[in-house]
């Protein structure tokens, strides 16, 4: 690939592929340049530095989230769709969680679209002023926190194929707590992907129920 034909979009797409494979620590400008048939200097010229490149990549993958119009499907269904969409994006691009944690003020056109969608939905629900900001932020915090739990190296293994030593240790700690042991064994027998999906859905529904209750309480007190 000729140097003068490189574009920022090509560089970001190649960076996302490397991030998906090796994470943020495994991304190097030299490796990226080699993948593109160019030099690291040319890559730097297009994107500045590694931090800026990672921010561009994060914004790009936010563009994969479908953002249905809240006015057409309702505020709650719109938030459900975008939240599940963001969860799926993070599960495809697991490096996104540590990036968001390290750079909480990261921004870009796709991230802005996601944030605006959340504000639009919450405003349609009836929130205004700072409550509008907090409602949208509460949903995003739940999604990021929940998926962090799914992607974390310390997340508990589920299902029949969970590591034997970890299962044995967990059961030993739960031995004196029958209810905990009962629930733990039930999770071990369930399909792990289904359990995680149901857990996310339960949490999101609870958050939205809480937001709806907050609106009712505010209306009653006014």
N, C-alpha and C. Protein backbone atom coordinates (compact mmCIF):
# COMPACT_ATOMS: atom_id res chain seq x y z
N UNK A 1 0.85 -1.19 0.00
CA UNK A 1 0.00 0.00 0.00
C UNK A 1 0.89 1.24 0.00
N UNK A 2 0.67 2.11 -0.94
CA UNK A 2 1.49 3.32 -1.03
C UNK A 2 1.19 4.25 0.13
N UNK A 3 2.26 4.93 0.60
CA UNK A 3 2.11 5.81 1.75
C UNK A 3 1.10 6.90 1.48
N UNK A 4 1.15 7.48 0.27
CA UNK A 4 0.27 8.61 0.01
C UNK A 4 -1.18 8.20 -0.17
N UNK A 5 -1.46 6.92 -0.17
CA UNK A 5 -2.84 6.45 -0.29
C UNK A 5 -3.43 6.05 1.06
N UNK A 6 -2.64 6.12 2.09
CA UNK A 6 -3.17 5.82 3.42
C UNK A 6 -4.22 6.85 3.82
N UNK A 7 -5.26 6.40 4.48
CA UNK A 7 -6.26 7.31 5.02
C UNK A 7 -6.41 7.04 6.51
N UNK A 8 -6.94 8.01 7.22
CA UNK A 8 -7.17 7.82 8.65
C UNK A 8 -8.12 6.65 8.89
N UNK A 9 -9.14 6.52 8.03
CA UNK A 9 -10.10 5.43 8.20
C UNK A 9 -9.43 4.07 8.06
N UNK A 10 -8.53 3.93 7.09
CA UNK A 10 -7.81 2.67 6.92
C UNK A 10 -6.96 2.36 8.14
N UNK A 11 -6.31 3.37 8.66
CA UNK A 11 -5.45 3.18 9.83
C UNK A 11 -6.28 2.77 11.04
N UNK A 12 -7.41 3.42 11.24
CA UNK A 12 -8.26 3.10 12.39
C UNK A 12 -8.81 1.69 12.26
N UNK A 13 -9.24 1.29 11.08
CA UNK A 13 -9.76 -0.07 10.87
C UNK A 13 -8.69 -1.11 11.18
N UNK A 14 -7.46 -0.85 10.71
CA UNK A 14 -6.36 -1.79 10.99
C UNK A 14 -6.04 -1.81 12.48
N UNK A 15 -6.11 -0.65 13.12
CA UNK A 15 -5.85 -0.58 14.56
C UNK A 15 -6.90 -1.37 15.34
N UNK A 16 -8.14 -1.29 14.93
CA UNK A 16 -9.21 -2.04 15.61
C UNK A 16 -8.94 -3.53 15.52
N UNK A 17 -8.50 -4.00 14.35
CA UNK A 17 -8.19 -5.42 14.19
C UNK A 17 -7.06 -5.84 15.14
N UNK A 18 -6.05 -5.00 15.26
CA UNK A 18 -4.94 -5.31 16.17
C UNK A 18 -5.39 -5.24 17.63
N UNK A 19 -6.21 -4.26 17.96
CA UNK A 19 -6.73 -4.14 19.32
C UNK A 19 -7.58 -5.36 19.68
N UNK A 20 -8.40 -5.81 18.75
CA UNK A 20 -9.23 -6.99 19.00
C UNK A 20 -8.36 -8.21 19.26
N UNK A 21 -7.22 -8.29 18.57
CA UNK A 21 -6.36 -9.46 18.70
C UNK A 21 -5.45 -9.40 19.93
N UNK A 22 -4.91 -8.21 20.20
CA UNK A 22 -3.85 -8.11 21.21
C UNK A 22 -4.11 -7.11 22.33
N UNK A 23 -5.20 -6.36 22.28
CA UNK A 23 -5.49 -5.38 23.31
C UNK A 23 -4.65 -4.13 23.15
N UNK A 24 -4.87 -3.18 24.06
CA UNK A 24 -4.19 -1.89 23.97
C UNK A 24 -2.68 -2.06 24.13
N UNK A 25 -2.26 -2.89 25.07
CA UNK A 25 -0.83 -3.06 25.31
C UNK A 25 -0.12 -3.69 24.11
N UNK A 26 -0.87 -4.46 23.32
CA UNK A 26 -0.26 -5.13 22.18
C UNK A 26 -0.24 -4.30 20.92
N UNK A 27 -0.82 -3.10 20.97
CA UNK A 27 -0.86 -2.24 19.79
C UNK A 27 0.40 -1.37 19.74
N UNK A 28 1.11 -1.45 18.64
CA UNK A 28 2.27 -0.59 18.44
C UNK A 28 2.15 0.07 17.06
N UNK A 29 2.66 1.29 16.96
CA UNK A 29 2.60 2.01 15.70
C UNK A 29 3.45 1.32 14.63
N UNK A 30 4.56 0.73 15.05
CA UNK A 30 5.41 0.03 14.10
C UNK A 30 4.68 -1.19 13.53
N UNK A 31 4.03 -1.96 14.41
CA UNK A 31 3.28 -3.13 13.96
C UNK A 31 2.13 -2.71 13.04
N UNK A 32 1.48 -1.62 13.40
CA UNK A 32 0.38 -1.13 12.59
C UNK A 32 0.88 -0.69 11.21
N UNK A 33 2.00 0.04 11.20
CA UNK A 33 2.56 0.46 9.92
C UNK A 33 2.92 -0.73 9.05
N UNK A 34 3.48 -1.77 9.66
CA UNK A 34 3.83 -2.97 8.91
C UNK A 34 2.59 -3.63 8.32
N UNK A 35 1.52 -3.65 9.09
CA UNK A 35 0.28 -4.26 8.62
C UNK A 35 -0.27 -3.49 7.42
N UNK A 36 -0.05 -2.19 7.42
CA UNK A 36 -0.56 -1.34 6.34
C UNK A 36 0.43 -1.19 5.19
N UNK A 37 1.60 -1.80 5.31
CA UNK A 37 2.61 -1.66 4.29
C UNK A 37 3.21 -0.28 4.27
N UNK A 38 3.32 0.33 5.44
CA UNK A 38 3.82 1.69 5.54
C UNK A 38 4.77 1.78 6.72
N UNK A 39 5.26 2.96 7.00
CA UNK A 39 6.13 3.16 8.15
C UNK A 39 5.38 3.79 9.30
N UNK A 40 5.94 3.64 10.50
CA UNK A 40 5.31 4.21 11.68
C UNK A 40 5.18 5.73 11.56
N UNK A 41 6.15 6.37 10.90
CA UNK A 41 6.12 7.82 10.76
C UNK A 41 4.89 8.28 10.01
N UNK A 42 4.52 7.54 8.96
CA UNK A 42 3.33 7.89 8.19
C UNK A 42 2.07 7.73 9.02
N UNK A 43 2.03 6.68 9.84
CA UNK A 43 0.88 6.46 10.72
C UNK A 43 0.75 7.61 11.71
N UNK A 44 1.87 8.01 12.31
CA UNK A 44 1.86 9.13 13.24
C UNK A 44 1.34 10.40 12.57
N UNK A 45 1.71 10.60 11.33
CA UNK A 45 1.31 11.81 10.60
C UNK A 45 -0.21 11.89 10.47
N UNK A 46 -0.86 10.73 10.31
CA UNK A 46 -2.30 10.69 10.11
C UNK A 46 -3.10 10.76 11.42
N UNK A 47 -2.56 10.16 12.49
CA UNK A 47 -3.37 10.04 13.72
C UNK A 47 -2.74 10.68 14.95
N UNK A 48 -1.55 11.22 14.82
CA UNK A 48 -0.92 11.89 15.95
C UNK A 48 -0.10 10.96 16.82
N UNK A 49 -0.73 10.32 17.78
CA UNK A 49 -0.02 9.40 18.67
C UNK A 49 -0.91 8.21 19.01
N UNK A 50 -0.38 7.28 19.79
CA UNK A 50 -1.11 6.06 20.09
C UNK A 50 -2.40 6.35 20.87
N UNK A 51 -2.33 7.25 21.86
CA UNK A 51 -3.52 7.57 22.64
C UNK A 51 -4.63 8.11 21.75
N UNK A 52 -4.26 8.98 20.82
CA UNK A 52 -5.26 9.55 19.92
C UNK A 52 -5.82 8.48 19.00
N UNK A 53 -4.97 7.55 18.56
CA UNK A 53 -5.42 6.46 17.70
C UNK A 53 -6.41 5.57 18.44
N UNK A 54 -6.11 5.25 19.69
CA UNK A 54 -7.02 4.41 20.48
C UNK A 54 -8.36 5.12 20.68
N UNK A 55 -8.32 6.43 20.89
CA UNK A 55 -9.56 7.20 21.03
C UNK A 55 -10.36 7.16 19.73
N UNK A 56 -9.69 7.28 18.60
CA UNK A 56 -10.36 7.19 17.31
C UNK A 56 -10.98 5.81 17.10
N UNK A 57 -10.26 4.78 17.53
CA UNK A 57 -10.78 3.42 17.40
C UNK A 57 -12.00 3.21 18.29
N UNK A 58 -11.94 3.74 19.51
CA UNK A 58 -13.07 3.62 20.43
C UNK A 58 -14.30 4.30 19.84
N UNK A 59 -14.11 5.49 19.30
CA UNK A 59 -15.23 6.21 18.69
C UNK A 59 -15.79 5.43 17.51
N UNK A 60 -14.91 4.84 16.72
CA UNK A 60 -15.35 4.10 15.54
C UNK A 60 -16.24 2.92 15.91
N UNK A 61 -15.86 2.16 16.96
CA UNK A 61 -16.67 0.99 17.31
C UNK A 61 -18.00 1.41 17.94
N UNK A 62 -18.06 2.59 18.55
CA UNK A 62 -19.35 3.09 19.03
C UNK A 62 -20.31 3.27 17.85
N UNK A 63 -19.75 3.49 16.66
CA UNK A 63 -20.58 3.63 15.48
C UNK A 63 -21.28 2.35 15.08
N UNK A 64 -20.89 1.21 15.67
CA UNK A 64 -21.54 -0.06 15.38
C UNK A 64 -22.85 -0.24 16.17
N UNK A 65 -23.10 0.64 17.14
CA UNK A 65 -24.31 0.52 17.96
C UNK A 65 -25.50 1.08 17.19
N UNK A 66 -26.54 0.28 17.06
CA UNK A 66 -27.77 0.74 16.41
C UNK A 66 -28.52 1.66 17.37
N UNK A 67 -28.96 2.80 16.86
CA UNK A 67 -29.64 3.81 17.69
C UNK A 67 -31.02 4.10 17.12
N UNK A 68 -32.01 3.27 17.46
CA UNK A 68 -33.36 3.48 16.93
C UNK A 68 -33.98 4.76 17.48
N UNK A 69 -34.84 5.38 16.70
CA UNK A 69 -35.46 6.66 17.05
C UNK A 69 -36.42 6.47 18.24
N UNK A 70 -36.13 7.12 19.38
CA UNK A 70 -37.04 6.99 20.53
C UNK A 70 -38.46 7.46 20.23
N UNK A 71 -38.60 8.44 19.34
CA UNK A 71 -39.93 8.94 19.00
C UNK A 71 -40.76 7.89 18.27
N UNK A 72 -40.10 6.95 17.62
CA UNK A 72 -40.81 5.93 16.86
C UNK A 72 -41.13 4.69 17.69
N UNK A 73 -40.21 4.30 18.59
CA UNK A 73 -40.42 3.04 19.32
C UNK A 73 -40.60 3.24 20.83
N UNK A 74 -40.50 4.49 21.29
CA UNK A 74 -40.66 4.76 22.72
C UNK A 74 -39.32 4.83 23.43
N UNK A 75 -39.27 5.63 24.49
CA UNK A 75 -38.00 5.88 25.17
C UNK A 75 -37.39 4.62 25.75
N UNK A 76 -38.24 3.79 26.33
CA UNK A 76 -37.72 2.60 27.02
C UNK A 76 -37.17 1.58 26.03
N UNK A 77 -37.90 1.29 24.97
CA UNK A 77 -37.42 0.33 23.97
C UNK A 77 -36.16 0.86 23.28
N UNK A 78 -36.07 2.17 23.11
CA UNK A 78 -34.88 2.75 22.48
C UNK A 78 -33.65 2.54 23.36
N UNK A 79 -33.80 2.73 24.67
CA UNK A 79 -32.67 2.53 25.58
C UNK A 79 -32.31 1.06 25.68
N UNK A 80 -33.31 0.19 25.69
CA UNK A 80 -33.04 -1.25 25.71
C UNK A 80 -32.22 -1.65 24.49
N UNK A 81 -32.64 -1.15 23.31
CA UNK A 81 -31.94 -1.51 22.07
C UNK A 81 -30.50 -0.99 22.07
N UNK A 82 -30.32 0.27 22.44
CA UNK A 82 -28.96 0.83 22.40
C UNK A 82 -28.07 0.21 23.48
N UNK A 83 -28.65 -0.14 24.62
CA UNK A 83 -27.86 -0.75 25.70
C UNK A 83 -27.40 -2.15 25.32
N UNK A 84 -28.30 -2.94 24.75
CA UNK A 84 -27.90 -4.27 24.28
C UNK A 84 -26.91 -4.14 23.13
N UNK A 85 -27.11 -3.12 22.30
CA UNK A 85 -26.18 -2.90 21.21
C UNK A 85 -24.79 -2.57 21.69
N UNK A 86 -24.69 -1.71 22.72
CA UNK A 86 -23.38 -1.36 23.26
C UNK A 86 -22.75 -2.57 23.94
N UNK A 87 -23.54 -3.35 24.64
CA UNK A 87 -23.01 -4.57 25.25
C UNK A 87 -22.39 -5.48 24.20
N UNK A 88 -23.09 -5.68 23.09
CA UNK A 88 -22.57 -6.54 22.03
C UNK A 88 -21.29 -5.98 21.42
N UNK A 89 -21.24 -4.66 21.28
CA UNK A 89 -20.03 -4.03 20.75
C UNK A 89 -18.85 -4.26 21.68
N UNK A 90 -19.07 -4.10 22.98
CA UNK A 90 -17.98 -4.28 23.94
C UNK A 90 -17.52 -5.75 23.96
N UNK A 91 -18.47 -6.68 23.84
CA UNK A 91 -18.09 -8.09 23.83
C UNK A 91 -17.29 -8.44 22.58
N UNK A 92 -17.53 -7.71 21.48
CA UNK A 92 -16.72 -7.92 20.27
C UNK A 92 -15.36 -7.24 20.36
N UNK A 93 -15.33 -6.12 21.08
CA UNK A 93 -14.11 -5.32 21.19
C UNK A 93 -13.78 -5.14 22.68
N UNK A 94 -13.23 -6.15 23.29
CA UNK A 94 -13.11 -6.17 24.76
C UNK A 94 -12.11 -5.16 25.30
N UNK A 95 -11.27 -4.63 24.46
CA UNK A 95 -10.33 -3.59 24.86
C UNK A 95 -11.03 -2.27 25.17
N UNK A 96 -12.31 -2.15 24.75
CA UNK A 96 -13.03 -0.89 24.93
C UNK A 96 -13.25 -0.55 26.39
N UNK A 97 -13.50 -1.55 27.23
CA UNK A 97 -13.74 -1.30 28.65
C UNK A 97 -12.54 -0.63 29.32
N UNK A 98 -11.32 -1.19 29.23
CA UNK A 98 -10.19 -0.51 29.86
C UNK A 98 -9.92 0.86 29.26
N UNK A 99 -10.22 1.04 27.98
CA UNK A 99 -10.02 2.36 27.36
C UNK A 99 -10.98 3.37 27.98
N UNK A 100 -12.25 3.00 28.12
CA UNK A 100 -13.23 3.90 28.72
C UNK A 100 -12.89 4.18 30.19
N UNK A 101 -12.35 3.17 30.87
CA UNK A 101 -11.97 3.36 32.27
C UNK A 101 -10.80 4.32 32.42
N UNK A 102 -9.84 4.22 31.49
CA UNK A 102 -8.65 5.06 31.57
C UNK A 102 -8.89 6.46 31.02
N UNK A 103 -9.88 6.58 30.13
CA UNK A 103 -10.15 7.87 29.48
C UNK A 103 -11.66 8.15 29.54
N UNK A 104 -12.19 8.47 30.73
CA UNK A 104 -13.64 8.66 30.88
C UNK A 104 -14.21 9.82 30.08
N UNK A 105 -13.37 10.75 29.65
CA UNK A 105 -13.86 11.91 28.89
C UNK A 105 -13.62 11.74 27.40
N UNK A 106 -13.31 10.52 26.96
CA UNK A 106 -13.07 10.27 25.55
C UNK A 106 -14.30 10.68 24.74
N UNK A 107 -14.08 11.22 23.54
CA UNK A 107 -15.22 11.68 22.75
C UNK A 107 -14.96 11.47 21.27
N UNK A 108 -15.96 11.75 20.47
CA UNK A 108 -15.91 11.58 19.03
C UNK A 108 -17.31 11.64 18.49
N UNK A 109 -17.46 11.65 17.18
CA UNK A 109 -18.79 11.86 16.60
C UNK A 109 -19.74 10.71 16.90
N UNK A 110 -19.23 9.47 16.94
CA UNK A 110 -20.12 8.33 17.21
C UNK A 110 -20.48 8.26 18.69
N UNK A 111 -19.52 8.55 19.56
CA UNK A 111 -19.81 8.61 20.99
C UNK A 111 -20.83 9.70 21.27
N UNK A 112 -20.67 10.85 20.59
CA UNK A 112 -21.62 11.95 20.76
C UNK A 112 -23.01 11.53 20.32
N UNK A 113 -23.10 10.78 19.23
CA UNK A 113 -24.40 10.30 18.75
C UNK A 113 -25.05 9.37 19.77
N UNK A 114 -24.22 8.51 20.37
CA UNK A 114 -24.74 7.60 21.40
C UNK A 114 -25.26 8.39 22.59
N UNK A 115 -24.48 9.36 23.05
CA UNK A 115 -24.88 10.17 24.19
C UNK A 115 -26.13 10.97 23.88
N UNK A 116 -26.21 11.53 22.69
CA UNK A 116 -27.38 12.32 22.31
C UNK A 116 -28.62 11.44 22.23
N UNK A 117 -28.45 10.22 21.77
CA UNK A 117 -29.57 9.28 21.71
C UNK A 117 -30.11 9.01 23.11
N UNK A 118 -29.20 8.80 24.07
CA UNK A 118 -29.62 8.55 25.45
C UNK A 118 -30.36 9.76 26.02
N UNK A 119 -29.84 10.96 25.76
CA UNK A 119 -30.50 12.18 26.24
C UNK A 119 -31.87 12.35 25.60
N UNK A 120 -31.97 12.07 24.31
CA UNK A 120 -33.24 12.20 23.61
C UNK A 120 -34.28 11.25 24.19
N UNK A 121 -33.85 10.01 24.45
CA UNK A 121 -34.77 9.02 25.02
C UNK A 121 -35.22 9.42 26.42
N UNK A 122 -34.26 9.86 27.24
CA UNK A 122 -34.60 10.22 28.61
C UNK A 122 -35.44 11.50 28.67
N UNK A 123 -35.21 12.41 27.75
CA UNK A 123 -36.04 13.61 27.68
C UNK A 123 -37.47 13.25 27.28
N UNK A 124 -37.59 12.31 26.35
CA UNK A 124 -38.91 11.83 25.94
C UNK A 124 -39.63 11.17 27.12
N UNK A 125 -38.86 10.51 27.97
CA UNK A 125 -39.46 9.87 29.15
C UNK A 125 -40.02 10.90 30.12
N UNK A 126 -39.41 12.11 30.14
CA UNK A 126 -39.90 13.15 31.03
C UNK A 126 -38.83 13.79 31.89
N UNK A 127 -37.57 13.40 31.73
CA UNK A 127 -36.50 14.00 32.51
C UNK A 127 -36.09 15.34 31.91
N UNK A 128 -35.61 16.23 32.77
CA UNK A 128 -35.15 17.53 32.31
C UNK A 128 -34.06 18.02 33.25
N UNK A 129 -33.36 19.09 32.83
CA UNK A 129 -32.31 19.66 33.67
C UNK A 129 -31.22 18.65 33.98
N UNK A 130 -30.66 18.75 35.18
CA UNK A 130 -29.60 17.83 35.57
C UNK A 130 -30.11 16.40 35.69
N UNK A 131 -31.39 16.22 36.00
CA UNK A 131 -31.95 14.87 36.06
C UNK A 131 -31.81 14.17 34.72
N UNK A 132 -31.91 14.94 33.64
CA UNK A 132 -31.74 14.38 32.31
C UNK A 132 -30.31 13.85 32.13
N UNK A 133 -29.34 14.64 32.58
CA UNK A 133 -27.94 14.19 32.49
C UNK A 133 -27.72 12.93 33.31
N UNK A 134 -28.26 12.92 34.51
CA UNK A 134 -28.01 11.81 35.42
C UNK A 134 -28.72 10.54 34.97
N UNK A 135 -29.89 10.69 34.37
CA UNK A 135 -30.62 9.52 33.89
C UNK A 135 -29.83 8.81 32.79
N UNK A 136 -29.36 9.61 31.82
CA UNK A 136 -28.56 9.02 30.75
C UNK A 136 -27.27 8.42 31.26
N UNK A 137 -26.63 9.11 32.20
CA UNK A 137 -25.38 8.62 32.77
C UNK A 137 -25.57 7.35 33.57
N UNK A 138 -26.71 7.23 34.25
CA UNK A 138 -26.99 6.03 35.03
C UNK A 138 -27.08 4.80 34.15
N UNK A 139 -27.74 4.94 33.01
CA UNK A 139 -27.86 3.82 32.08
C UNK A 139 -26.49 3.42 31.54
N UNK A 140 -25.70 4.40 31.11
CA UNK A 140 -24.38 4.10 30.57
C UNK A 140 -23.49 3.44 31.63
N UNK A 141 -23.56 3.95 32.86
CA UNK A 141 -22.75 3.38 33.94
C UNK A 141 -23.13 1.92 34.18
N UNK A 142 -24.42 1.63 34.11
CA UNK A 142 -24.85 0.23 34.29
C UNK A 142 -24.30 -0.65 33.18
N UNK A 143 -24.45 -0.21 31.94
CA UNK A 143 -24.00 -1.03 30.81
C UNK A 143 -22.50 -1.31 30.91
N UNK A 144 -21.71 -0.27 31.13
CA UNK A 144 -20.26 -0.43 31.19
C UNK A 144 -19.88 -1.32 32.39
N UNK A 145 -20.50 -1.08 33.54
CA UNK A 145 -20.19 -1.87 34.72
C UNK A 145 -20.57 -3.33 34.56
N UNK A 146 -21.74 -3.57 33.97
CA UNK A 146 -22.20 -4.95 33.79
C UNK A 146 -21.31 -5.71 32.83
N UNK A 147 -20.94 -5.07 31.73
CA UNK A 147 -20.12 -5.77 30.74
C UNK A 147 -18.68 -5.90 31.23
N UNK A 148 -18.23 -4.93 32.04
CA UNK A 148 -16.91 -5.09 32.67
C UNK A 148 -16.87 -6.38 33.47
N UNK A 149 -17.95 -6.66 34.19
CA UNK A 149 -18.01 -7.90 34.95
C UNK A 149 -17.94 -9.13 34.06
N UNK A 150 -18.52 -9.05 32.87
CA UNK A 150 -18.49 -10.18 31.94
C UNK A 150 -17.10 -10.38 31.33
N UNK A 151 -16.40 -9.30 31.08
CA UNK A 151 -15.13 -9.38 30.36
C UNK A 151 -13.92 -9.40 31.27
N UNK A 152 -14.11 -9.13 32.56
CA UNK A 152 -13.00 -9.08 33.49
C UNK A 152 -12.35 -10.45 33.66
N UNK A 153 -11.04 -10.45 33.81
CA UNK A 153 -10.33 -11.71 34.03
C UNK A 153 -10.68 -12.33 35.38
N UNK A 154 -11.27 -11.53 36.27
CA UNK A 154 -11.65 -12.04 37.59
C UNK A 154 -13.12 -12.44 37.66
N UNK A 155 -13.83 -12.34 36.52
CA UNK A 155 -15.25 -12.72 36.51
C UNK A 155 -15.37 -14.22 36.76
N UNK A 156 -16.37 -14.65 37.54
CA UNK A 156 -16.50 -16.07 37.83
C UNK A 156 -16.86 -16.88 36.58
N UNK A 157 -16.25 -18.03 36.45
CA UNK A 157 -16.56 -18.91 35.33
C UNK A 157 -17.91 -19.57 35.59
N UNK A 158 -18.70 -19.73 34.52
CA UNK A 158 -20.02 -20.32 34.64
C UNK A 158 -20.12 -21.54 33.73
N UNK A 159 -21.06 -22.41 34.04
CA UNK A 159 -21.32 -23.54 33.17
C UNK A 159 -20.51 -24.77 33.55
N UNK A 160 -20.84 -25.87 32.89
CA UNK A 160 -20.22 -27.14 33.23
C UNK A 160 -18.74 -27.19 32.87
N UNK A 161 -18.29 -26.29 31.98
CA UNK A 161 -16.90 -26.29 31.55
C UNK A 161 -16.04 -25.33 32.36
N UNK A 162 -16.57 -24.78 33.43
CA UNK A 162 -15.79 -23.88 34.28
C UNK A 162 -14.61 -24.63 34.89
N UNK A 163 -13.53 -23.89 35.13
CA UNK A 163 -12.31 -24.52 35.65
C UNK A 163 -12.55 -25.31 36.93
N UNK A 164 -12.04 -26.54 36.96
CA UNK A 164 -12.29 -27.42 38.09
C UNK A 164 -11.80 -26.88 39.41
N UNK A 165 -10.58 -26.33 39.46
CA UNK A 165 -10.02 -25.81 40.71
C UNK A 165 -10.85 -24.64 41.23
N UNK A 166 -11.24 -23.75 40.32
CA UNK A 166 -12.03 -22.59 40.73
C UNK A 166 -13.38 -23.01 41.28
N UNK A 167 -14.00 -23.99 40.62
CA UNK A 167 -15.30 -24.49 41.08
C UNK A 167 -15.16 -25.14 42.45
N UNK A 168 -14.16 -25.97 42.61
CA UNK A 168 -13.96 -26.66 43.89
C UNK A 168 -13.72 -25.67 45.01
N UNK A 169 -12.92 -24.64 44.73
CA UNK A 169 -12.64 -23.63 45.75
C UNK A 169 -13.89 -22.85 46.12
N UNK A 170 -14.67 -22.46 45.11
CA UNK A 170 -15.90 -21.70 45.37
C UNK A 170 -16.90 -22.54 46.17
N UNK A 171 -17.01 -23.81 45.83
CA UNK A 171 -17.95 -24.66 46.56
C UNK A 171 -17.49 -24.87 48.00
N UNK A 172 -16.19 -24.92 48.21
CA UNK A 172 -15.67 -25.08 49.57
C UNK A 172 -16.00 -23.87 50.42
N UNK A 173 -15.85 -22.66 49.85
CA UNK A 173 -16.17 -21.44 50.58
C UNK A 173 -17.67 -21.34 50.86
N UNK A 174 -18.49 -21.92 49.98
CA UNK A 174 -19.94 -21.82 50.12
C UNK A 174 -20.53 -22.97 50.94
N UNK A 175 -19.69 -23.90 51.35
CA UNK A 175 -20.18 -25.13 51.99
C UNK A 175 -21.05 -24.87 53.21
N UNK A 176 -20.74 -23.82 53.98
CA UNK A 176 -21.50 -23.54 55.19
C UNK A 176 -22.67 -22.60 54.95
N UNK A 177 -22.93 -22.31 53.70
CA UNK A 177 -24.03 -21.40 53.34
C UNK A 177 -24.91 -22.09 52.30
N UNK A 178 -25.89 -22.88 52.75
CA UNK A 178 -26.69 -23.71 51.84
C UNK A 178 -27.35 -22.94 50.71
N UNK A 179 -27.88 -21.77 50.99
CA UNK A 179 -28.55 -21.00 49.93
C UNK A 179 -27.55 -20.59 48.86
N UNK A 180 -26.37 -20.10 49.28
CA UNK A 180 -25.34 -19.71 48.33
C UNK A 180 -24.89 -20.91 47.50
N UNK A 181 -24.71 -22.04 48.15
CA UNK A 181 -24.27 -23.24 47.44
C UNK A 181 -25.33 -23.70 46.44
N UNK A 182 -26.59 -23.61 46.84
CA UNK A 182 -27.69 -23.98 45.94
C UNK A 182 -27.69 -23.12 44.68
N UNK A 183 -27.55 -21.79 44.85
CA UNK A 183 -27.57 -20.89 43.70
C UNK A 183 -26.32 -21.07 42.84
N UNK A 184 -25.19 -21.32 43.51
CA UNK A 184 -23.95 -21.51 42.77
C UNK A 184 -24.04 -22.76 41.89
N UNK A 185 -24.54 -23.83 42.44
CA UNK A 185 -24.66 -25.07 41.68
C UNK A 185 -25.66 -24.92 40.54
N UNK A 186 -26.71 -24.13 40.76
CA UNK A 186 -27.68 -23.89 39.70
C UNK A 186 -27.04 -23.15 38.53
N UNK A 187 -26.20 -22.17 38.85
CA UNK A 187 -25.50 -21.42 37.80
C UNK A 187 -24.53 -22.32 37.04
N UNK A 188 -23.90 -23.24 37.74
CA UNK A 188 -22.94 -24.13 37.10
C UNK A 188 -23.61 -25.06 36.08
N UNK A 189 -24.89 -25.33 36.28
CA UNK A 189 -25.61 -26.24 35.38
C UNK A 189 -26.25 -25.50 34.20
N UNK A 190 -26.26 -24.17 34.27
CA UNK A 190 -26.93 -23.37 33.24
C UNK A 190 -25.97 -23.04 32.11
N UNK A 191 -26.55 -22.63 30.98
CA UNK A 191 -25.74 -22.17 29.86
C UNK A 191 -25.15 -20.80 30.19
N UNK A 192 -23.82 -20.66 30.18
CA UNK A 192 -23.22 -19.41 30.64
C UNK A 192 -23.62 -18.18 29.83
N UNK A 193 -23.73 -18.33 28.51
CA UNK A 193 -24.12 -17.19 27.69
C UNK A 193 -25.54 -16.75 28.00
N UNK A 194 -26.41 -17.74 28.21
CA UNK A 194 -27.81 -17.43 28.53
C UNK A 194 -27.91 -16.76 29.90
N UNK A 195 -27.11 -17.23 30.86
CA UNK A 195 -27.12 -16.63 32.19
C UNK A 195 -26.67 -15.17 32.12
N UNK A 196 -25.61 -14.89 31.38
CA UNK A 196 -25.10 -13.52 31.28
C UNK A 196 -26.11 -12.62 30.57
N UNK A 197 -26.75 -13.12 29.53
CA UNK A 197 -27.76 -12.34 28.82
C UNK A 197 -28.93 -12.03 29.74
N UNK A 198 -29.39 -13.03 30.48
CA UNK A 198 -30.52 -12.83 31.39
C UNK A 198 -30.15 -11.88 32.52
N UNK A 199 -28.93 -11.99 33.01
CA UNK A 199 -28.48 -11.11 34.08
C UNK A 199 -28.45 -9.66 33.60
N UNK A 200 -27.94 -9.44 32.40
CA UNK A 200 -27.89 -8.08 31.85
C UNK A 200 -29.30 -7.54 31.65
N UNK A 201 -30.18 -8.36 31.11
CA UNK A 201 -31.57 -7.94 30.87
C UNK A 201 -32.27 -7.60 32.18
N UNK A 202 -32.06 -8.43 33.20
CA UNK A 202 -32.65 -8.17 34.52
C UNK A 202 -32.16 -6.84 35.07
N UNK A 203 -30.86 -6.62 35.03
CA UNK A 203 -30.30 -5.37 35.57
C UNK A 203 -30.79 -4.15 34.82
N UNK A 204 -30.82 -4.24 33.49
CA UNK A 204 -31.27 -3.11 32.69
C UNK A 204 -32.74 -2.81 32.96
N UNK A 205 -33.56 -3.85 33.05
CA UNK A 205 -34.98 -3.65 33.35
C UNK A 205 -35.14 -2.99 34.72
N UNK A 206 -34.34 -3.39 35.68
CA UNK A 206 -34.41 -2.81 37.02
C UNK A 206 -34.03 -1.33 37.00
N UNK A 207 -32.99 -0.99 36.24
CA UNK A 207 -32.57 0.41 36.11
C UNK A 207 -33.69 1.24 35.48
N UNK A 208 -34.30 0.72 34.42
CA UNK A 208 -35.36 1.48 33.75
C UNK A 208 -36.61 1.59 34.62
N UNK A 209 -36.91 0.53 35.36
CA UNK A 209 -38.03 0.61 36.31
C UNK A 209 -37.75 1.69 37.35
N UNK A 210 -36.50 1.76 37.81
CA UNK A 210 -36.13 2.78 38.78
C UNK A 210 -36.25 4.19 38.22
N UNK A 211 -35.84 4.38 36.97
CA UNK A 211 -35.98 5.69 36.33
C UNK A 211 -37.45 6.08 36.19
N UNK A 212 -38.28 5.10 35.81
CA UNK A 212 -39.71 5.38 35.68
C UNK A 212 -40.31 5.74 37.04
N UNK A 213 -39.87 5.05 38.08
CA UNK A 213 -40.37 5.35 39.43
C UNK A 213 -39.91 6.74 39.87
N UNK A 214 -38.69 7.12 39.51
CA UNK A 214 -38.20 8.45 39.84
C UNK A 214 -39.05 9.53 39.20
N UNK A 215 -39.44 9.31 37.95
CA UNK A 215 -40.31 10.26 37.27
C UNK A 215 -41.66 10.38 37.99
N UNK A 216 -42.21 9.25 38.41
CA UNK A 216 -43.49 9.29 39.12
C UNK A 216 -43.36 10.01 40.45
N UNK A 217 -42.26 9.77 41.16
CA UNK A 217 -42.05 10.42 42.45
C UNK A 217 -41.90 11.93 42.27
N UNK A 218 -41.18 12.33 41.21
CA UNK A 218 -40.99 13.75 40.95
C UNK A 218 -42.31 14.43 40.61
N UNK A 219 -43.14 13.74 39.81
CA UNK A 219 -44.44 14.29 39.44
C UNK A 219 -45.35 14.44 40.65
N UNK A 220 -45.25 13.47 41.58
CA UNK A 220 -46.11 13.51 42.76
C UNK A 220 -45.70 14.64 43.72
N UNK A 221 -44.38 14.88 43.80
CA UNK A 221 -43.89 15.89 44.74
C UNK A 221 -44.05 17.32 44.22
N UNK A 222 -44.31 17.47 42.93
CA UNK A 222 -44.46 18.83 42.35
C UNK A 222 -45.88 19.35 42.40
